[in-house]
Amino acid sequence: MQPEKVLDKIGFSPNEIKVYLTLNDHGSTKAGRIAKLAKIDRSNCYNSLKSLTEKGLVSYVLIGNVKWFQATGPKRLLDYIKEQEDDVKTILPELHARHKARKVEGQVRLFKGVKGVKSIFLDIARQGKNNYVFGSEGQFSERMPEFALQFNRLKREHKMKTKLLLRAGREEVDNKSSEHRYISNVAESPAVTTIYGDKIAIVIWTDEPEGIVIENAAAAKAYKSYFDFMWKHADKSS
């Protein structure tokens, strides 16, 4: 992955990226030359230098009355990310309490794109409970292979098991943490339903995948009863 894309993902502004990479490439440099090399105007350059300095990613020395800026070592980026993680951890208890206080029974959330679908699977892993799936055509492993391996690792860590109802003729790769049964005379579908805890997740594997999570204990219980009925009458082999 290109450095620009990674820096963008961790929250750098476009001008911060240009300034940081310019300093990384050219070493100790005056602000005016940084602006010229980065192809941005001086005011934006100074603003970016200020924010990068506050993040501990840029330092400077005074030679006479002139500031010479330089990027700190690239490993400082890892420290910066760790500091952000530590800051978030300090506010998690309060955020959890406020989220729980405002949670409404029966809430429905919509997720769009690959990142949205990742959020759904991470929520399934965080629940740490067995889950029940029907409609899978293997889209998860095909579309998100690296994350699928991570998800399976999280399942093993939480000792989670999955029961999958599959269309007859299909095979699933993950047999260590899942059990499969098969249903005949059902059509292939892009929609995959997962029941976990008090939630139901429906992921639709279109070109841009999207998902819906329904958080409702009564609905999840009803879905699970239908799943159990289908499971009981499904075939143990394809």
C-alpha atoms as a PDB file:
ATOM      1  CA  MET A   1       0.000   0.000   0.000  1.00  0.00           C
ATOM      2  CA  GLN A   2       1.271   3.481  -0.852  1.00  0.00           C
ATOM      3  CA  PRO A   3       2.366   5.737   2.054  1.00  0.00           C
ATOM      4  CA  GLU A   4      -0.124   8.416   0.979  1.00  0.00           C
ATOM      5  CA  LYS A   5      -3.049   6.010   1.303  1.00  0.00           C
ATOM      6  CA  VAL A   6      -1.951   4.759   4.718  1.00  0.00           C
ATOM      7  CA  LEU A   7      -1.425   8.277   6.059  1.00  0.00           C
ATOM      8  CA  ASP A   8      -4.848   9.243   4.749  1.00  0.00           C
ATOM      9  CA  LYS A   9      -6.407   6.231   6.504  1.00  0.00           C
ATOM     10  CA  ILE A  10      -4.915   7.227   9.865  1.00  0.00           C
ATOM     11  CA  GLY A  11      -6.316  10.743   9.616  1.00  0.00           C
ATOM     12  CA  PHE A  12      -3.688  12.942   7.965  1.00  0.00           C
ATOM     13  CA  SER A  13      -5.016  15.840   5.891  1.00  0.00           C
ATOM     14  CA  PRO A  14      -3.864  16.057   2.231  1.00  0.00           C
ATOM     15  CA  ASN A  15      -1.511  18.943   3.067  1.00  0.00           C
ATOM     16  CA  GLU A  16      -0.120  17.155   6.124  1.00  0.00           C
ATOM     17  CA  ILE A  17       0.667  14.160   3.930  1.00  0.00           C
ATOM     18  CA  LYS A  18       2.507  16.326   1.402  1.00  0.00           C
ATOM     19  CA  VAL A  19       4.508  18.155   4.072  1.00  0.00           C
ATOM     20  CA  TYR A  20       5.362  15.025   6.061  1.00  0.00           C
ATOM     21  CA  LEU A  21       6.532  13.070   3.002  1.00  0.00           C
ATOM     22  CA  THR A  22       8.490  16.080   1.732  1.00  0.00           C
ATOM     23  CA  LEU A  23      10.363  16.291   5.025  1.00  0.00           C
ATOM     24  CA  ASN A  24      10.825  12.537   5.088  1.00  0.00           C
ATOM     25  CA  ASP A  25      12.377  12.677   1.605  1.00  0.00           C
ATOM     26  CA  HIS A  26      14.463  15.853   1.900  1.00  0.00           C
ATOM     27  CA  GLY A  27      15.559  16.031   5.537  1.00  0.00           C
ATOM     28  CA  SER A  28      16.002  19.308   7.439  1.00  0.00           C
ATOM     29  CA  THR A  29      14.371  22.069   5.377  1.00  0.00           C
ATOM     30  CA  LYS A  30      13.058  25.621   5.738  1.00  0.00           C
ATOM     31  CA  ALA A  31       9.297  26.242   5.525  1.00  0.00           C
ATOM     32  CA  GLY A  32       9.471  28.159   2.259  1.00  0.00           C
ATOM     33  CA  ARG A  33      11.302  25.348   0.492  1.00  0.00           C
ATOM     34  CA  ILE A  34       8.930  22.762   2.001  1.00  0.00           C
ATOM     35  CA  ALA A  35       5.967  24.670   0.529  1.00  0.00           C
ATOM     36  CA  LYS A  36       7.694  24.794  -2.855  1.00  0.00           C
ATOM     37  CA  LEU A  37       8.629  21.106  -2.865  1.00  0.00           C
ATOM     38  CA  ALA A  38       5.189  20.047  -1.599  1.00  0.00           C
ATOM     39  CA  LYS A  39       3.488  22.363  -4.120  1.00  0.00           C
ATOM     40  CA  ILE A  40       1.237  24.040  -1.574  1.00  0.00           C
ATOM     41  CA  ASP A  41       0.961  27.688  -0.508  1.00  0.00           C
ATOM     42  CA  ARG A  42       2.909  28.953   2.496  1.00  0.00           C
ATOM     43  CA  SER A  43      -0.061  29.444   4.830  1.00  0.00           C
ATOM     44  CA  ASN A  44      -1.212  25.835   4.336  1.00  0.00           C
ATOM     45  CA  CYS A  45       2.374  24.680   4.767  1.00  0.00           C
ATOM     46  CA  TYR A  46       2.736  26.530   8.085  1.00  0.00           C
ATOM     47  CA  ASN A  47      -0.611  25.155   9.337  1.00  0.00           C
ATOM     48  CA  SER A  48       0.462  21.620   8.449  1.00  0.00           C
ATOM     49  CA  LEU A  49       3.856  22.038  10.081  1.00  0.00           C
ATOM     50  CA  LYS A  50       2.142  23.288  13.241  1.00  0.00           C
ATOM     51  CA  SER A  51      -0.273  20.322  13.408  1.00  0.00           C
ATOM     52  CA  LEU A  52       2.468  17.779  12.619  1.00  0.00           C
ATOM     53  CA  THR A  53       4.679  19.321  15.319  1.00  0.00           C
ATOM     54  CA  GLU A  54       1.837  19.040  17.833  1.00  0.00           C
ATOM     55  CA  LYS A  55       1.503  15.362  16.899  1.00  0.00           C
ATOM     56  CA  GLY A  56       5.203  14.859  17.548  1.00  0.00           C
ATOM     57  CA  LEU A  57       5.848  13.893  13.939  1.00  0.00           C
ATOM     58  CA  VAL A  58       7.882  16.990  13.035  1.00  0.00           C
ATOM     59  CA  SER A  59      10.519  18.882  15.028  1.00  0.00           C
ATOM     60  CA  TYR A  60      12.577  21.967  14.300  1.00  0.00           C
ATOM     61  CA  VAL A  61      15.745  23.736  15.301  1.00  0.00           C
ATOM     62  CA  LEU A  62      16.465  27.481  15.256  1.00  0.00           C
ATOM     63  CA  ILE A  63      19.543  28.503  13.285  1.00  0.00           C
ATOM     64  CA  GLY A  64      19.801  32.231  13.768  1.00  0.00           C
ATOM     65  CA  ASN A  65      16.179  33.347  13.515  1.00  0.00           C
ATOM     66  CA  VAL A  66      15.230  30.683  10.960  1.00  0.00           C
ATOM     67  CA  LYS A  67      13.382  27.457  11.761  1.00  0.00           C
ATOM     68  CA  TRP A  68      14.654  24.315  10.047  1.00  0.00           C
ATOM     69  CA  PHE A  69      12.059  21.538  10.122  1.00  0.00           C
ATOM     70  CA  GLN A  70      12.605  17.800   9.980  1.00  0.00           C
ATOM     71  CA  ALA A  71      10.432  14.710  10.254  1.00  0.00           C
ATOM     72  CA  THR A  72      10.924  12.511  13.296  1.00  0.00           C
ATOM     73  CA  GLY A  73      11.810   8.871  12.599  1.00  0.00           C
ATOM     74  CA  PRO A  74       9.106   6.886  10.773  1.00  0.00           C
ATOM     75  CA  LYS A  75       8.670   4.620  13.829  1.00  0.00           C
ATOM     76  CA  ARG A  76       7.207   7.650  15.610  1.00  0.00           C
ATOM     77  CA  LEU A  77       4.071   6.971  13.538  1.00  0.00           C
ATOM     78  CA  LEU A  78       3.501   3.776  15.537  1.00  0.00           C
ATOM     79  CA  ASP A  79       3.867   5.703  18.796  1.00  0.00           C
ATOM     80  CA  TYR A  80       1.377   8.269  17.499  1.00  0.00           C
ATOM     81  CA  ILE A  81      -1.186   5.556  16.702  1.00  0.00           C
ATOM     82  CA  LYS A  82      -0.602   3.920  20.118  1.00  0.00           C
ATOM     83  CA  GLU A  83      -1.164   7.252  21.872  1.00  0.00           C
ATOM     84  CA  GLN A  84      -4.459   7.664  20.038  1.00  0.00           C
ATOM     85  CA  GLU A  85      -5.463   4.135  21.049  1.00  0.00           C
ATOM     86  CA  ASP A  86      -4.567   4.846  24.687  1.00  0.00           C
ATOM     87  CA  ASP A  87      -6.594   8.081  24.613  1.00  0.00           C
ATOM     88  CA  VAL A  88      -9.629   6.246  23.244  1.00  0.00           C
ATOM     89  CA  LYS A  89      -9.307   3.561  25.933  1.00  0.00           C
ATOM     90  CA  THR A  90      -9.536   6.208  28.653  1.00  0.00           C
ATOM     91  CA  ILE A  91     -12.952   7.359  27.440  1.00  0.00           C
ATOM     92  CA  LEU A  92     -14.414   3.932  26.564  1.00  0.00           C
ATOM     93  CA  PRO A  93     -16.060   3.340  29.982  1.00  0.00           C
ATOM     94  CA  GLU A  94     -17.917   6.662  29.802  1.00  0.00           C
ATOM     95  CA  LEU A  95     -18.882   6.135  26.149  1.00  0.00           C
ATOM     96  CA  HIS A  96     -20.177   2.626  26.906  1.00  0.00           C
ATOM     97  CA  ALA A  97     -22.259   3.955  29.792  1.00  0.00           C
ATOM     98  CA  ARG A  98     -23.719   6.770  27.691  1.00  0.00           C
ATOM     99  CA  HIS A  99     -24.356   4.445  24.749  1.00  0.00           C
ATOM    100  CA  LYS A 100     -26.119   1.929  26.971  1.00  0.00           C
ATOM    101  CA  ALA A 101     -28.241   4.640  28.576  1.00  0.00           C
ATOM    102  CA  ARG A 102     -29.436   5.863  25.180  1.00  0.00           C
ATOM    103  CA  LYS A 103     -29.864   2.449  23.559  1.00  0.00           C
ATOM    104  CA  VAL A 104     -33.376   1.837  22.305  1.00  0.00           C
ATOM    105  CA  GLU A 105     -34.741  -1.701  22.087  1.00  0.00           C
ATOM    106  CA  GLY A 106     -35.356  -2.607  18.485  1.00  0.00           C
ATOM    107  CA  GLN A 107     -32.828  -0.280  16.910  1.00  0.00           C
ATOM    108  CA  VAL A 108     -31.851  -0.887  13.282  1.00  0.00           C
ATOM    109  CA  ARG A 109     -28.514   0.185  11.822  1.00  0.00           C
ATOM    110  CA  LEU A 110     -27.433   0.312   8.189  1.00  0.00           C
ATOM    111  CA  PHE A 111     -23.827  -0.245   7.105  1.00  0.00           C
ATOM    112  CA  LYS A 112     -22.466   0.408   3.613  1.00  0.00           C
ATOM    113  CA  GLY A 113     -19.282  -0.641   1.846  1.00  0.00           C
ATOM    114  CA  VAL A 114     -16.477  -3.000   2.834  1.00  0.00           C
ATOM    115  CA  LYS A 115     -15.664  -1.037   6.020  1.00  0.00           C
ATOM    116  CA  GLY A 116     -19.299  -1.190   7.069  1.00  0.00           C
ATOM    117  CA  VAL A 117     -19.427  -4.958   6.571  1.00  0.00           C
ATOM    118  CA  LYS A 118     -16.197  -5.302   8.565  1.00  0.00           C
ATOM    119  CA  SER A 119     -17.905  -3.466  11.429  1.00  0.00           C
ATOM    120  CA  ILE A 120     -20.692  -6.038  11.406  1.00  0.00           C
ATOM    121  CA  PHE A 121     -18.321  -9.010  11.562  1.00  0.00           C
ATOM    122  CA  LEU A 122     -16.261  -7.358  14.303  1.00  0.00           C
ATOM    123  CA  ASP A 123     -19.480  -6.877  16.276  1.00  0.00           C
ATOM    124  CA  ILE A 124     -20.254 -10.588  15.825  1.00  0.00           C
ATOM    125  CA  ALA A 125     -16.772 -11.433  17.140  1.00  0.00           C
ATOM    126  CA  ARG A 126     -17.120  -9.042  20.098  1.00  0.00           C
ATOM    127  CA  GLN A 127     -20.335 -10.746  21.167  1.00  0.00           C
ATOM    128  CA  GLY A 128     -18.310 -13.934  21.616  1.00  0.00           C
ATOM    129  CA  LYS A 129     -21.388 -16.112  21.203  1.00  0.00           C
ATOM    130  CA  ASN A 130     -22.261 -18.920  18.835  1.00  0.00           C
ATOM    131  CA  ASN A 131     -23.899 -17.687  15.655  1.00  0.00           C
ATOM    132  CA  TYR A 132     -26.320 -19.118  13.139  1.00  0.00           C
ATOM    133  CA  VAL A 133     -26.080 -18.412   9.425  1.00  0.00           C
ATOM    134  CA  PHE A 134     -28.138 -19.112   6.353  1.00  0.00           C
ATOM    135  CA  GLY A 135     -27.849 -17.989   2.756  1.00  0.00           C
ATOM    136  CA  SER A 136     -24.034 -17.991   2.566  1.00  0.00           C
ATOM    137  CA  GLU A 137     -22.501 -18.554  -0.851  1.00  0.00           C
ATOM    138  CA  GLY A 138     -18.925 -18.025   0.332  1.00  0.00           C
ATOM    139  CA  GLN A 139     -18.965 -14.300  -0.507  1.00  0.00           C
ATOM    140  CA  PHE A 140     -17.218 -13.285   2.706  1.00  0.00           C
ATOM    141  CA  SER A 141     -14.099 -15.389   2.035  1.00  0.00           C
ATOM    142  CA  GLU A 142     -14.050 -14.467  -1.654  1.00  0.00           C
ATOM    143  CA  ARG A 143     -14.516 -10.711  -1.279  1.00  0.00           C
ATOM    144  CA  MET A 144     -12.569 -10.155   1.961  1.00  0.00           C
ATOM    145  CA  PRO A 145     -10.071 -13.064   2.205  1.00  0.00           C
ATOM    146  CA  GLU A 146      -7.571 -11.449   4.590  1.00  0.00           C
ATOM    147  CA  PHE A 147     -10.230 -10.165   6.960  1.00  0.00           C
ATOM    148  CA  ALA A 148     -12.038 -13.533   6.793  1.00  0.00           C
ATOM    149  CA  LEU A 149      -8.876 -15.180   8.180  1.00  0.00           C
ATOM    150  CA  GLN A 150      -8.754 -12.566  10.960  1.00  0.00           C
ATOM    151  CA  PHE A 151     -12.424 -13.169  11.770  1.00  0.00           C
ATOM    152  CA  ASN A 152     -11.872 -16.932  11.964  1.00  0.00           C
ATOM    153  CA  ARG A 153      -8.944 -16.327  14.336  1.00  0.00           C
ATOM    154  CA  LEU A 154     -11.180 -14.173  16.541  1.00  0.00           C
ATOM    155  CA  LYS A 155     -13.790 -16.941  16.548  1.00  0.00           C
ATOM    156  CA  ARG A 156     -11.198 -19.423  17.761  1.00  0.00           C
ATOM    157  CA  GLU A 157      -9.983 -17.037  20.468  1.00  0.00           C
ATOM    158  CA  HIS A 158     -13.549 -16.586  21.751  1.00  0.00           C
ATOM    159  CA  LYS A 159     -14.318 -20.311  21.265  1.00  0.00           C
ATOM    160  CA  MET A 160     -17.234 -19.376  19.048  1.00  0.00           C
ATOM    161  CA  LYS A 161     -19.012 -21.924  16.891  1.00  0.00           C
ATOM    162  CA  THR A 162     -21.103 -21.333  13.786  1.00  0.00           C
ATOM    163  CA  LYS A 163     -23.956 -23.363  12.386  1.00  0.00           C
ATOM    164  CA  LEU A 164     -24.507 -22.794   8.663  1.00  0.00           C
ATOM    165  CA  LEU A 165     -27.499 -23.785   6.579  1.00  0.00           C
ATOM    166  CA  LEU A 166     -26.232 -24.048   3.024  1.00  0.00           C
ATOM    167  CA  ARG A 167     -27.736 -24.570  -0.388  1.00  0.00           C
ATOM    168  CA  ALA A 168     -27.329 -28.220  -1.397  1.00  0.00           C
ATOM    169  CA  GLY A 169     -24.204 -28.695  -3.480  1.00  0.00           C
ATOM    170  CA  ARG A 170     -22.154 -26.008  -1.710  1.00  0.00           C
ATOM    171  CA  GLU A 171     -19.105 -26.640   0.438  1.00  0.00           C
ATOM    172  CA  GLU A 172     -17.596 -24.400   3.117  1.00  0.00           C
ATOM    173  CA  VAL A 173     -13.851 -24.240   3.769  1.00  0.00           C
ATOM    174  CA  ASP A 174     -13.974 -23.507   7.511  1.00  0.00           C
ATOM    175  CA  ASN A 175     -14.886 -26.816   9.126  1.00  0.00           C
ATOM    176  CA  LYS A 176     -12.997 -26.405  12.412  1.00  0.00           C
ATOM    177  CA  SER A 177     -15.269 -23.802  13.987  1.00  0.00           C
ATOM    178  CA  SER A 178     -18.441 -24.455  12.011  1.00  0.00           C
ATOM    179  CA  GLU A 179     -21.022 -27.128  11.419  1.00  0.00           C
ATOM    180  CA  HIS A 180     -22.972 -27.402   8.164  1.00  0.00           C
ATOM    181  CA  ARG A 181     -26.291 -28.752   7.021  1.00  0.00           C
ATOM    182  CA  TYR A 182     -27.880 -28.503   3.596  1.00  0.00           C
ATOM    183  CA  ILE A 183     -31.243 -27.504   2.161  1.00  0.00           C
ATOM    184  CA  SER A 184     -32.470 -28.520  -1.282  1.00  0.00           C
ATOM    185  CA  ASN A 185     -34.560 -26.517  -3.740  1.00  0.00           C
ATOM    186  CA  VAL A 186     -33.414 -23.063  -2.630  1.00  0.00           C
ATOM    187  CA  ALA A 187     -32.171 -20.361  -4.985  1.00  0.00           C
ATOM    188  CA  GLU A 188     -28.763 -18.718  -4.813  1.00  0.00           C
ATOM    189  CA  SER A 189     -28.987 -15.296  -3.156  1.00  0.00           C
ATOM    190  CA  PRO A 190     -26.638 -12.386  -2.421  1.00  0.00           C
ATOM    191  CA  ALA A 191     -28.233 -11.957   1.031  1.00  0.00           C
ATOM    192  CA  VAL A 192     -26.686 -13.724   4.050  1.00  0.00           C
ATOM    193  CA  THR A 193     -28.409 -13.732   7.436  1.00  0.00           C
ATOM    194  CA  THR A 194     -26.574 -14.214  10.749  1.00  0.00           C
ATOM    195  CA  ILE A 195     -28.262 -14.548  14.135  1.00  0.00           C
ATOM    196  CA  TYR A 196     -26.001 -13.735  17.093  1.00  0.00           C
ATOM    197  CA  GLY A 197     -26.995 -12.906  20.642  1.00  0.00           C
ATOM    198  CA  ASP A 198     -29.925 -10.479  20.545  1.00  0.00           C
ATOM    199  CA  LYS A 199     -29.059  -9.331  17.025  1.00  0.00           C
ATOM    200  CA  ILE A 200     -29.759 -10.247  13.413  1.00  0.00           C
ATOM    201  CA  ALA A 201     -27.338  -9.188  10.686  1.00  0.00           C
ATOM    202  CA  ILE A 202     -28.275  -9.278   7.009  1.00  0.00           C
ATOM    203  CA  VAL A 203     -25.372  -8.674   4.618  1.00  0.00           C
ATOM    204  CA  ILE A 204     -26.166  -8.152   0.941  1.00  0.00           C
ATOM    205  CA  TRP A 205     -23.176  -8.908  -1.259  1.00  0.00           C
ATOM    206  CA  THR A 206     -23.786  -6.541  -4.163  1.00  0.00           C
ATOM    207  CA  ASP A 207     -20.943  -4.674  -5.947  1.00  0.00           C
ATOM    208  CA  GLU A 208     -20.828  -2.329  -2.964  1.00  0.00           C
ATOM    209  CA  PRO A 209     -21.864  -4.590  -0.082  1.00  0.00           C
ATOM    210  CA  GLU A 210     -24.219  -3.308   2.551  1.00  0.00           C
ATOM    211  CA  GLY A 211     -25.643  -4.687   5.744  1.00  0.00           C
ATOM    212  CA  ILE A 212     -28.442  -4.244   8.234  1.00  0.00           C
ATOM    213  CA  VAL A 213     -28.198  -5.072  11.938  1.00  0.00           C
ATOM    214  CA  ILE A 214     -31.437  -5.445  13.880  1.00  0.00           C
ATOM    215  CA  GLU A 215     -30.935  -5.352  17.643  1.00  0.00           C
ATOM    216  CA  ASN A 216     -34.072  -6.821  19.147  1.00  0.00           C
ATOM    217  CA  ALA A 217     -34.141  -9.793  21.515  1.00  0.00           C
ATOM    218  CA  ALA A 218     -37.650 -10.896  20.522  1.00  0.00           C
ATOM    219  CA  ALA A 219     -36.861 -10.763  16.792  1.00  0.00           C
ATOM    220  CA  ALA A 220     -33.581 -12.642  17.275  1.00  0.00           C
ATOM    221  CA  LYS A 221     -35.374 -15.313  19.299  1.00  0.00           C
ATOM    222  CA  ALA A 222     -37.997 -15.706  16.558  1.00  0.00           C
ATOM    223  CA  TYR A 223     -35.360 -15.961  13.816  1.00  0.00           C
ATOM    224  CA  LYS A 224     -33.465 -18.524  15.893  1.00  0.00           C
ATOM    225  CA  SER A 225     -36.594 -20.674  16.299  1.00  0.00           C
ATOM    226  CA  TYR A 226     -37.058 -20.713  12.509  1.00  0.00           C
ATOM    227  CA  PHE A 227     -33.371 -21.536  12.088  1.00  0.00           C
ATOM    228  CA  ASP A 228     -33.646 -24.428  14.572  1.00  0.00           C
ATOM    229  CA  PHE A 229     -36.642 -25.825  12.663  1.00  0.00           C
ATOM    230  CA  MET A 230     -34.777 -25.670   9.340  1.00  0.00           C
ATOM    231  CA  TRP A 231     -31.652 -27.121  10.931  1.00  0.00           C
ATOM    232  CA  LYS A 232     -33.604 -30.074  12.314  1.00  0.00           C
ATOM    233  CA  HIS A 233     -35.008 -30.913   8.877  1.00  0.00           C
ATOM    234  CA  ALA A 234     -31.872 -30.158   6.831  1.00  0.00           C
ATOM    235  CA  ASP A 235     -29.567 -32.809   5.352  1.00  0.00           C
ATOM    236  CA  LYS A 236     -26.262 -33.524   7.097  1.00  0.00           C
ATOM    237  CA  SER A 237     -24.435 -33.945   3.791  1.00  0.00           C
ATOM    238  CA  SER A 238     -24.650 -32.111   0.475  1.00  0.00           C
END
